[in-house]
Structure formats: structure tokens, C-alpha cells
Amino acid sequence: MTTPPPTSTDPIPRGIRIGASFSWRFLVIVAALAVVAATVIHLAEIVIPFLIGLMLSALLVPLSNGLQRRGWPKWVAILGTWLVALGTLGALGLLVAVQIRLDLPRLETQVEHTIASAKQLLDSHPFGLTPDKLTDYVSDGAAYLREHASTFGEGFAHAGTGLVHLAEGLFIVIFVTLFALIDGRNIWQWVTRLFPRAARDRITAAGDAGWKTLTAFIRVQVLVAATDGIGIGIGAAILGVPLAIPIAVVVFLGAFVPVVGAILGGVIAVGIALVFNGWVTALLMLGIVIVVQQLESHVFHPLLTGTAVKVHPLGVVLGVTGGTAVAGIVGALFAVPLIATTNAMIHAALQHGKQPEPEPLPAPEPDAAAAEPDVADEPTGAPTTQ
């Protein structure tokens, strides 16, 4: 006689228990992330320069290490790296200033023509902006400024405070980059010693993977931005669009903000072509922008990235959108490198200490000699009996 299985007296189904356990753990994680995000927002004047310095370090540290491997003394390599960085920025600024100076007479003439055309357009139907109406608008604007003078004074005071914070941020960027070049490895080892001893090897492996991914991402972004800037700048120069070098620099800087920066740089290039060269040149400029960005997105970027930065395009779009919603242009700038670095660190931490799975051995190929019978050894006829 078989005994029936014992019935459970627990009124809560097992599935609901599992779901509840998962839910409260998930809520704890969300709460911890919210605390971290609130802290970062509160300390944004420190965190943002620190992140900028970290990204700049990811670009400069490999150069400094390469010079040291070639036999350069450490301080000479660091000084050479700084000279390369500052020299590049200075050269870009000099090229922009020279082109603006050369194109200034043409720009003044074109701006005067554009303003005259705009006045004629506004004076015509349906705008009807006559000189009397324009005078009234100017008088109303002056009265508004007089009434809100105190508000504008507060705005200028805030602008002055912003300049002070900008100088402080620049100071933090320089020192973060400098100390990363001097003693970055030892700084990370000091950070790992803040964690329990059993977790230090795993955290070290995660940090190495994250740094490798960040350096690869920054290197790829520089090359991609240079491709966009050079391609669109050459196209603007061929079409005779003024300020071709400033356009290239704007496109180069904008490309560091994925998706959004490339679009904004292209819009600026097309807008300048439309204002100074007409709609035909603007359409040609638009075609050049589209061709360059398509080549960059589908040819150069996958070729340069390879498997170094494993972020799906959907993750890039969602990351940039979420970063923009949370922190504006700053969030869009840091969203993708943060996602790529965090993904690499988590993957390295999970894989740390695991033995790699052995690759399956290939199936043995059948022996042709054994598979095919030897015709010479087979009897050619039926055996005979004596």
C-alpha cells in the first residue's frame, strides 16, 4: 500500500515566493543606484571633470606607455605626451583663427547681403515688418531690459560663478590626467585594497577589462571623429563653402557625442552652405555629409572597433537618449563609454576564476583505406570444394 505524498500547508505558491524574492532584491538594487545617481548629480562639479580627465587619460596613457617602452625616461615620456596633446589643440585653434581671418571680408559682405534680403522679406507680405514697427519693437525691448535689469545682473553674477567653476573643473581635469600618467596603476591598486581581500583579484580583473575597453573606445572615437571632420571639411572646401576648417573642427568635436553630435555637426555644415552659397550648394553639402557619415557608420567604425567595444547599436541609442534625458549633453557624452566599460567589467568579474571550457575535439575522419574493401584481397569466384 503506497502512502500519498504529503500536502503542503503553505498557502503562498512557490512561483509567487520566487517573484517576491526577486522583486525586493531588484528594488534594493534600484534604490542603491538611485543613491549613487543622486550623489553624482549633487557632486557634478567634481564628477564631470573627473570623468573628462579619465577619458583624456585613456587617450594619453597608452602614448606615454609606448614612449617608455621605447626607452624614454618616464618624466620625458609624460612631458612629451602633454606637448603632443597641447600642440594638437593649439594647431587646431591656429588653423581656425587663420581661416576666419582670411574669410572675414567675404563673410562681412555676405552677411550684409543676407541681412538686406531678410529685411526685404520681412517687409513684404505676409510679415509686413515696416520701419515703424521695427522701431516699436526696439523700444519695447529697451523698456523690458530696463524693467528687468536686476534679473540680468543676477544672471551675470551666475555667469561669473560659472567661470570660476569652469576653472576649478579644468584644474581637476589636468590633475586627474597628470596623476593617471604618473602613477595610475598604483592608484588603482590602492582602490582595490579598500575591498575585502577575497574580492581584490576579481576587482583587479574587472578594472583591467574596463580600462582596456575604455582606451579602445576613446581611440576608436578619435579616429571616427577625425574621419568625419576631415571628410566633411574637404567636401566643404571643394564646394567653396566658407569656414571649411572650423566646420571640420566642429564636426570632429561633435562626433564624440554618439548619434546626436554627428547630426548636429552635419546641420551646421549644411546651414553655413545654405546661408553663404545658396540652396544648391547646401543640397550638395547635405549629400556629402550623408555619404561621409554612412561610410563612417558602416565601414570605418565596425572595422576599427572590431570586438574591443561590444555595445549593440540599440544600446547606444537608448544610452544616449537616457543620458540626454538625465543630464543633457553631458549625459549623452558619457553614456556610451560608461555602458561599454561597465559591461566589460561585469563580464570580466563573472568570468574571473572560471576555467575556460575545452574546445570539442574534431570528429575523426573516416579512413579511406579502412572504409573501402581491398578488391585485390577479395575472392573473385565461389570457393570450390575438393
Protein backbone atom coordinates (compact mmCIF):
# COMPACT_ATOMS: atom_id res chain seq x y z
CA MET A 1 0.00 0.00 0.00
CA THR A 2 1.51 3.34 -1.10
CA THR A 3 1.27 6.39 1.10
CA PRO A 4 0.09 9.63 -0.55
CA PRO A 5 2.66 12.45 -0.83
CA PRO A 6 2.46 14.99 1.95
CA THR A 7 0.45 18.05 1.07
CA SER A 8 2.00 21.49 1.61
CA THR A 9 0.30 23.73 4.17
CA ASP A 10 1.91 26.89 2.75
CA PRO A 11 -0.89 28.98 1.16
CA ILE A 12 1.60 31.02 -0.95
CA PRO A 13 2.55 29.34 -4.24
CA ARG A 14 6.22 28.76 -4.91
CA GLY A 15 6.19 30.98 -8.01
CA ILE A 16 4.93 33.96 -6.04
CA ARG A 17 7.65 33.41 -3.41
CA ILE A 18 10.33 33.41 -6.10
CA GLY A 19 8.85 36.53 -7.72
CA ALA A 20 8.69 38.32 -4.37
CA SER A 21 12.30 37.43 -3.57
CA PHE A 22 13.42 38.70 -6.95
CA SER A 23 11.33 41.88 -6.60
CA TRP A 24 12.68 43.06 -3.26
CA ARG A 25 16.24 42.39 -4.33
CA PHE A 26 15.61 44.31 -7.53
CA LEU A 27 14.15 47.22 -5.54
CA VAL A 28 17.22 47.28 -3.29
CA ILE A 29 19.48 47.47 -6.36
CA VAL A 30 17.38 50.28 -7.85
CA ALA A 31 17.48 52.18 -4.55
CA ALA A 32 21.28 51.82 -4.37
CA LEU A 33 21.63 53.07 -7.94
CA ALA A 34 19.31 56.00 -7.16
CA VAL A 35 21.52 56.96 -4.19
CA VAL A 36 24.60 56.79 -6.40
CA ALA A 37 22.92 58.88 -9.12
CA ALA A 38 21.78 61.49 -6.57
CA THR A 39 25.30 61.70 -5.16
CA VAL A 40 26.79 62.10 -8.63
CA ILE A 41 24.30 64.86 -9.52
CA HIS A 42 24.98 66.65 -6.22
CA LEU A 43 28.74 66.45 -6.81
CA ALA A 44 28.53 67.05 -10.57
CA GLU A 45 31.10 69.86 -10.43
CA ILE A 46 33.64 67.27 -9.25
CA VAL A 47 32.39 64.13 -11.00
CA ILE A 48 32.16 65.60 -14.53
CA PRO A 49 35.75 66.96 -14.60
CA PHE A 50 36.94 63.68 -13.10
CA LEU A 51 35.24 61.68 -15.88
CA ILE A 52 36.63 64.03 -18.53
CA GLY A 53 40.10 63.58 -17.06
CA LEU A 54 39.61 59.82 -17.03
CA MET A 55 38.67 59.79 -20.72
CA LEU A 56 41.60 62.05 -21.56
CA SER A 57 43.87 59.72 -19.58
CA ALA A 58 42.57 56.74 -21.57
CA LEU A 59 43.77 58.56 -24.69
CA LEU A 60 47.15 59.74 -23.38
CA VAL A 61 48.30 56.89 -21.11
CA PRO A 62 48.86 54.42 -24.00
CA LEU A 63 51.01 57.04 -25.77
CA SER A 64 53.09 57.64 -22.64
CA ASN A 65 53.50 53.89 -22.03
CA GLY A 66 54.55 53.39 -25.64
CA LEU A 67 57.24 56.04 -25.34
CA GLN A 68 58.51 54.45 -22.13
CA ARG A 69 58.69 51.03 -23.81
CA ARG A 70 60.88 52.63 -26.46
CA GLY A 71 63.39 53.62 -23.77
CA TRP A 72 62.23 57.13 -22.95
CA PRO A 73 62.56 58.13 -19.27
CA LYS A 74 59.20 58.31 -17.51
CA TRP A 75 59.14 62.07 -16.98
CA VAL A 76 60.31 62.76 -20.52
CA ALA A 77 57.57 60.48 -21.88
CA ILE A 78 54.92 62.25 -19.77
CA LEU A 79 56.15 65.67 -20.85
CA GLY A 80 56.22 64.58 -24.49
CA THR A 81 52.65 63.28 -24.21
CA TRP A 82 51.44 66.60 -22.81
CA LEU A 83 53.26 68.50 -25.55
CA VAL A 84 51.58 66.35 -28.21
CA ALA A 85 48.13 66.96 -26.69
CA LEU A 86 48.58 70.71 -26.20
CA GLY A 87 50.27 71.07 -29.59
CA THR A 88 47.34 69.38 -31.32
CA LEU A 89 44.82 71.68 -29.62
CA GLY A 90 46.96 74.72 -30.39
CA ALA A 91 47.31 73.74 -34.05
CA LEU A 92 43.54 73.31 -34.40
CA GLY A 93 42.91 76.70 -32.79
CA LEU A 94 45.51 78.35 -35.02
CA LEU A 95 44.01 76.86 -38.19
CA VAL A 96 40.53 78.02 -37.19
CA ALA A 97 41.76 81.55 -36.41
CA VAL A 98 43.70 81.80 -39.69
CA GLN A 99 40.73 80.69 -41.81
CA ILE A 100 38.32 83.04 -40.03
CA ARG A 101 40.74 85.92 -40.66
CA LEU A 102 41.12 85.02 -44.34
CA ASP A 103 37.37 84.60 -44.90
CA LEU A 104 36.33 87.64 -42.84
CA PRO A 105 35.94 90.15 -45.75
CA ARG A 106 33.84 87.69 -47.71
CA LEU A 107 31.79 86.87 -44.64
CA GLU A 108 31.09 90.55 -43.93
CA THR A 109 29.87 91.12 -47.48
CA GLN A 110 27.70 88.02 -47.42
CA VAL A 111 26.25 88.87 -44.00
CA GLU A 112 25.29 92.37 -45.20
CA HIS A 113 23.62 90.87 -48.26
CA THR A 114 21.79 88.31 -46.12
CA ILE A 115 20.56 90.99 -43.71
CA ALA A 116 19.30 93.15 -46.60
CA SER A 117 17.47 90.17 -48.09
CA ALA A 118 15.97 89.36 -44.70
CA LYS A 119 14.72 92.95 -44.33
CA GLN A 120 13.07 92.83 -47.75
CA LEU A 121 11.44 89.52 -46.87
CA LEU A 122 10.15 90.79 -43.53
CA ASP A 123 8.88 93.99 -45.13
CA SER A 124 6.83 92.07 -47.67
CA HIS A 125 3.57 90.17 -47.24
CA PRO A 126 2.67 88.31 -45.02
CA PHE A 127 5.20 89.64 -42.49
CA GLY A 128 4.72 93.37 -43.07
CA LEU A 129 7.55 94.46 -40.76
CA THR A 130 7.74 98.17 -41.58
CA PRO A 131 10.42 100.51 -40.15
CA ASP A 132 7.85 101.97 -37.72
CA LYS A 133 7.01 98.53 -36.36
CA LEU A 134 10.70 97.70 -36.07
CA THR A 135 11.24 100.92 -34.08
CA ASP A 136 8.37 99.99 -31.77
CA TYR A 137 9.84 96.54 -31.22
CA VAL A 138 13.24 98.04 -30.37
CA SER A 139 11.61 100.47 -27.90
CA ASP A 140 9.68 97.63 -26.25
CA GLY A 141 12.86 95.60 -25.95
CA ALA A 142 14.73 98.50 -24.34
CA ALA A 143 11.91 99.03 -21.85
CA TYR A 144 11.93 95.33 -20.98
CA LEU A 145 15.67 95.45 -20.33
CA ARG A 146 15.26 98.45 -18.02
CA GLU A 147 12.49 96.75 -16.04
CA HIS A 148 14.44 93.52 -15.60
CA ALA A 149 17.90 94.99 -15.07
CA SER A 150 18.24 93.36 -11.64
CA THR A 151 17.42 89.95 -13.10
CA PHE A 152 20.09 90.34 -15.77
CA GLY A 153 22.53 91.42 -13.07
CA GLU A 154 21.88 88.18 -11.20
CA GLY A 155 22.41 86.31 -14.45
CA PHE A 156 25.80 87.94 -14.95
CA ALA A 157 26.71 87.07 -11.37
CA HIS A 158 25.79 83.43 -12.01
CA ALA A 159 27.86 83.55 -15.21
CA GLY A 160 30.85 84.75 -13.20
CA THR A 161 30.35 81.91 -10.72
CA GLY A 162 30.15 79.53 -13.66
CA LEU A 163 33.50 80.75 -14.93
CA VAL A 164 35.02 80.07 -11.50
CA HIS A 165 33.58 76.54 -11.53
CA LEU A 166 34.90 76.09 -15.06
CA ALA A 167 38.40 76.99 -13.89
CA GLU A 168 38.08 74.57 -10.98
CA GLY A 169 36.92 71.82 -13.34
CA LEU A 170 39.86 72.46 -15.66
CA PHE A 171 42.18 72.20 -12.66
CA ILE A 172 40.64 68.81 -11.74
CA VAL A 173 40.93 67.54 -15.34
CA ILE A 174 44.62 68.44 -15.50
CA PHE A 175 45.46 66.83 -12.19
CA VAL A 176 43.46 63.64 -12.86
CA THR A 177 45.23 63.22 -16.19
CA LEU A 178 48.64 64.07 -14.72
CA PHE A 179 48.38 61.58 -11.85
CA ALA A 180 46.99 58.91 -14.18
CA LEU A 181 50.09 59.34 -16.33
CA ILE A 182 52.43 59.33 -13.34
CA ASP A 183 51.03 56.62 -11.08
CA GLY A 184 47.72 55.36 -12.45
CA ARG A 185 48.40 51.67 -11.79
CA ASN A 186 49.31 52.22 -8.14
CA ILE A 187 46.24 54.42 -7.65
CA TRP A 188 44.00 51.57 -8.85
CA GLN A 189 45.81 49.09 -6.59
CA TRP A 190 45.18 51.42 -3.66
CA VAL A 191 41.47 51.48 -4.57
CA THR A 192 41.29 47.67 -4.67
CA ARG A 193 42.79 47.48 -1.18
CA LEU A 194 39.62 49.16 0.13
CA PHE A 195 37.69 45.95 -0.65
CA PRO A 196 37.84 42.60 1.15
CA ARG A 197 40.92 40.53 0.40
CA ALA A 198 38.91 37.72 -1.20
CA ALA A 199 37.41 40.11 -3.78
CA ARG A 200 40.58 42.01 -4.74
CA ASP A 201 41.68 39.72 -7.58
CA ARG A 202 38.21 39.80 -9.13
CA ILE A 203 38.01 43.61 -8.85
CA THR A 204 41.50 43.95 -10.34
CA ALA A 205 40.50 41.79 -13.31
CA ALA A 206 37.32 43.83 -13.77
CA GLY A 207 39.29 47.08 -13.65
CA ASP A 208 41.81 45.85 -16.22
CA ALA A 209 38.99 44.82 -18.57
CA GLY A 210 37.18 48.14 -18.08
CA TRP A 211 40.32 50.20 -18.71
CA LYS A 212 41.10 48.20 -21.85
CA THR A 213 37.58 48.78 -23.16
CA LEU A 214 37.67 52.49 -22.31
CA THR A 215 41.01 53.04 -24.07
CA ALA A 216 39.76 51.15 -27.12
CA PHE A 217 36.54 53.19 -27.16
CA ILE A 218 38.36 56.54 -26.90
CA ARG A 219 40.86 55.55 -29.59
CA VAL A 220 38.06 54.49 -31.93
CA GLN A 221 36.09 57.68 -31.23
CA VAL A 222 39.11 59.85 -32.07
CA LEU A 223 39.68 58.04 -35.36
CA VAL A 224 35.99 58.12 -36.26
CA ALA A 225 35.70 61.81 -35.35
CA ALA A 226 38.79 62.58 -37.44
CA THR A 227 37.26 60.68 -40.38
CA ASP A 228 34.02 62.68 -40.15
CA GLY A 229 35.77 66.02 -39.70
CA ILE A 230 38.30 65.54 -42.50
CA GLY A 231 35.73 64.14 -44.94
CA ILE A 232 33.14 66.87 -44.38
CA GLY A 233 35.82 69.60 -44.23
CA ILE A 234 37.30 68.53 -47.57
CA GLY A 235 33.82 68.41 -49.09
CA ALA A 236 33.07 71.93 -47.85
CA ALA A 237 36.39 73.21 -49.26
CA ILE A 238 35.71 71.62 -52.66
CA LEU A 239 32.24 73.23 -52.80
CA GLY A 240 33.69 76.61 -51.84
CA VAL A 241 31.81 76.82 -48.55
CA PRO A 242 33.48 79.36 -46.23
CA LEU A 243 34.89 78.30 -42.85
CA ALA A 244 35.71 74.78 -44.04
CA ILE A 245 38.29 74.25 -41.30
CA PRO A 246 36.01 75.49 -38.47
CA ILE A 247 33.29 73.22 -39.87
CA ALA A 248 35.70 70.26 -39.76
CA VAL A 249 36.67 71.10 -36.16
CA VAL A 250 33.02 71.38 -35.08
CA VAL A 251 32.20 68.05 -36.73
CA PHE A 252 35.28 66.47 -35.09
CA LEU A 253 34.28 67.65 -31.61
CA GLY A 254 30.62 66.80 -32.14
CA ALA A 255 31.43 63.22 -33.14
CA PHE A 256 32.43 62.46 -29.53
CA VAL A 257 28.72 62.58 -28.67
CA PRO A 258 27.39 59.46 -30.45
CA VAL A 259 24.44 59.86 -32.83
CA VAL A 260 23.50 63.39 -31.68
CA GLY A 261 26.88 65.04 -32.31
CA ALA A 262 27.19 63.78 -35.88
CA ILE A 263 23.72 65.07 -36.75
CA LEU A 264 24.39 68.46 -35.17
CA GLY A 265 27.72 68.82 -36.98
CA GLY A 266 26.08 67.99 -40.31
CA VAL A 267 23.29 70.50 -39.70
CA ILE A 268 25.84 73.27 -39.01
CA ALA A 269 27.74 72.45 -42.21
CA VAL A 270 24.58 72.46 -44.33
CA GLY A 271 23.33 75.66 -42.66
CA ILE A 272 26.55 77.57 -43.41
CA ALA A 273 26.43 76.36 -47.02
CA LEU A 274 22.80 77.50 -47.31
CA VAL A 275 23.46 80.97 -45.89
CA PHE A 276 26.62 81.75 -47.84
CA ASN A 277 26.34 79.66 -51.04
CA GLY A 278 22.66 79.03 -51.73
CA TRP A 279 20.37 76.03 -51.67
CA VAL A 280 22.11 74.12 -54.50
CA THR A 281 25.42 74.06 -52.63
CA ALA A 282 23.53 73.24 -49.43
CA LEU A 283 21.97 70.18 -51.09
CA LEU A 284 25.39 69.07 -52.33
CA MET A 285 26.80 69.63 -48.82
CA LEU A 286 23.96 67.54 -47.40
CA GLY A 287 24.83 64.73 -49.81
CA ILE A 288 28.50 64.86 -48.76
CA VAL A 289 27.51 64.75 -45.07
CA ILE A 290 25.27 61.73 -45.63
CA VAL A 291 27.90 59.85 -47.66
CA VAL A 292 30.68 60.52 -45.12
CA GLN A 293 28.55 59.51 -42.16
CA GLN A 294 27.30 56.36 -43.89
CA LEU A 295 30.87 55.32 -44.71
CA GLU A 296 31.88 56.02 -41.12
CA SER A 297 28.94 54.10 -39.63
CA HIS A 298 29.02 51.03 -41.87
CA VAL A 299 32.68 50.73 -42.91
CA PHE A 300 35.22 52.54 -40.73
CA HIS A 301 33.53 52.21 -37.34
CA PRO A 302 32.97 48.40 -37.49
CA LEU A 303 36.45 47.93 -38.97
CA LEU A 304 38.14 49.99 -36.25
CA THR A 305 36.03 48.76 -33.36
CA GLY A 306 36.18 45.03 -34.02
CA THR A 307 35.43 43.13 -30.82
CA ALA A 308 37.04 45.66 -28.48
CA VAL A 309 33.83 47.53 -27.64
CA LYS A 310 30.84 45.20 -27.50
CA VAL A 311 27.82 47.50 -27.34
CA HIS A 312 24.78 46.80 -29.51
CA PRO A 313 23.57 49.77 -31.61
CA LEU A 314 20.25 49.64 -29.77
CA GLY A 315 22.15 50.02 -26.50
CA VAL A 316 23.98 53.03 -27.95
CA VAL A 317 20.74 54.75 -28.98
CA LEU A 318 18.97 54.02 -25.69
CA GLY A 319 22.05 55.01 -23.69
CA VAL A 320 22.44 58.35 -25.48
CA THR A 321 18.70 59.05 -25.15
CA GLY A 322 18.65 58.18 -21.46
CA GLY A 323 21.84 60.11 -20.76
CA THR A 324 20.44 63.17 -22.52
CA ALA A 325 17.20 62.94 -20.54
CA VAL A 326 19.06 62.67 -17.22
CA ALA A 327 22.00 65.04 -17.67
CA GLY A 328 21.66 66.78 -21.04
CA ILE A 329 24.67 66.99 -23.32
CA VAL A 330 26.95 65.75 -20.52
CA GLY A 331 24.88 62.59 -20.14
CA ALA A 332 24.96 61.98 -23.89
CA LEU A 333 28.77 62.35 -23.85
CA PHE A 334 29.38 59.83 -21.06
CA ALA A 335 26.53 57.37 -21.67
CA VAL A 336 28.15 55.06 -24.23
CA PRO A 337 31.66 54.81 -22.67
CA LEU A 338 30.01 54.19 -19.29
CA ILE A 339 27.83 51.41 -20.72
CA ALA A 340 30.74 49.81 -22.59
CA THR A 341 33.13 49.98 -19.62
CA THR A 342 30.55 48.69 -17.12
CA ASN A 343 29.61 45.83 -19.43
CA ALA A 344 33.26 44.79 -19.79
CA MET A 345 33.88 45.00 -16.03
CA ILE A 346 30.83 42.91 -15.13
CA HIS A 347 31.67 40.28 -17.73
CA ALA A 348 35.30 40.07 -16.52
CA ALA A 349 34.20 39.81 -12.88
CA LEU A 350 31.77 36.98 -13.68
CA GLN A 351 34.36 35.08 -15.72
CA HIS A 352 37.20 35.54 -13.21
CA GLY A 353 38.45 32.24 -11.80
CA LYS A 354 36.47 30.09 -14.19
CA GLN A 355 38.35 27.52 -16.19
CA PRO A 356 37.88 28.02 -19.92
CA GLU A 357 35.73 25.33 -21.43
CA PRO A 358 37.80 22.92 -23.51
CA GLU A 359 37.11 23.09 -27.17
CA PRO A 360 35.47 19.94 -28.51
CA LEU A 361 37.83 17.74 -30.45
CA PRO A 362 37.04 17.42 -34.14
CA ALA A 363 35.40 14.19 -35.18
CA PRO A 364 37.90 11.72 -36.64
CA GLU A 365 37.75 11.49 -40.37
CA PRO A 366 36.99 8.00 -41.70
CA ASP A 367 40.00 6.15 -43.02
CA ALA A 368 39.55 5.73 -46.72
CA ALA A 369 41.64 2.56 -46.74
CA ALA A 370 39.60 1.03 -43.93
CA ALA A 371 36.27 2.17 -45.30
CA GLU A 372 36.76 0.74 -48.78
CA PRO A 373 37.33 -3.02 -49.10
CA ASP A 374 40.54 -4.17 -50.76
CA VAL A 375 39.38 -5.56 -54.07
CA ALA A 376 42.65 -7.38 -54.62
CA ASP A 377 42.23 -9.46 -51.45
CA GLU A 378 38.61 -10.48 -52.14
CA PRO A 379 37.97 -13.84 -53.89
CA THR A 380 36.98 -13.42 -57.45
CA GLY A 381 34.78 -16.50 -57.55
CA ALA A 382 32.93 -19.00 -55.36
CA PRO A 383 35.14 -21.32 -53.35
CA THR A 384 35.46 -24.84 -54.76
CA THR A 385 35.32 -27.99 -52.72
CA GLN A 386 37.63 -30.84 -53.39
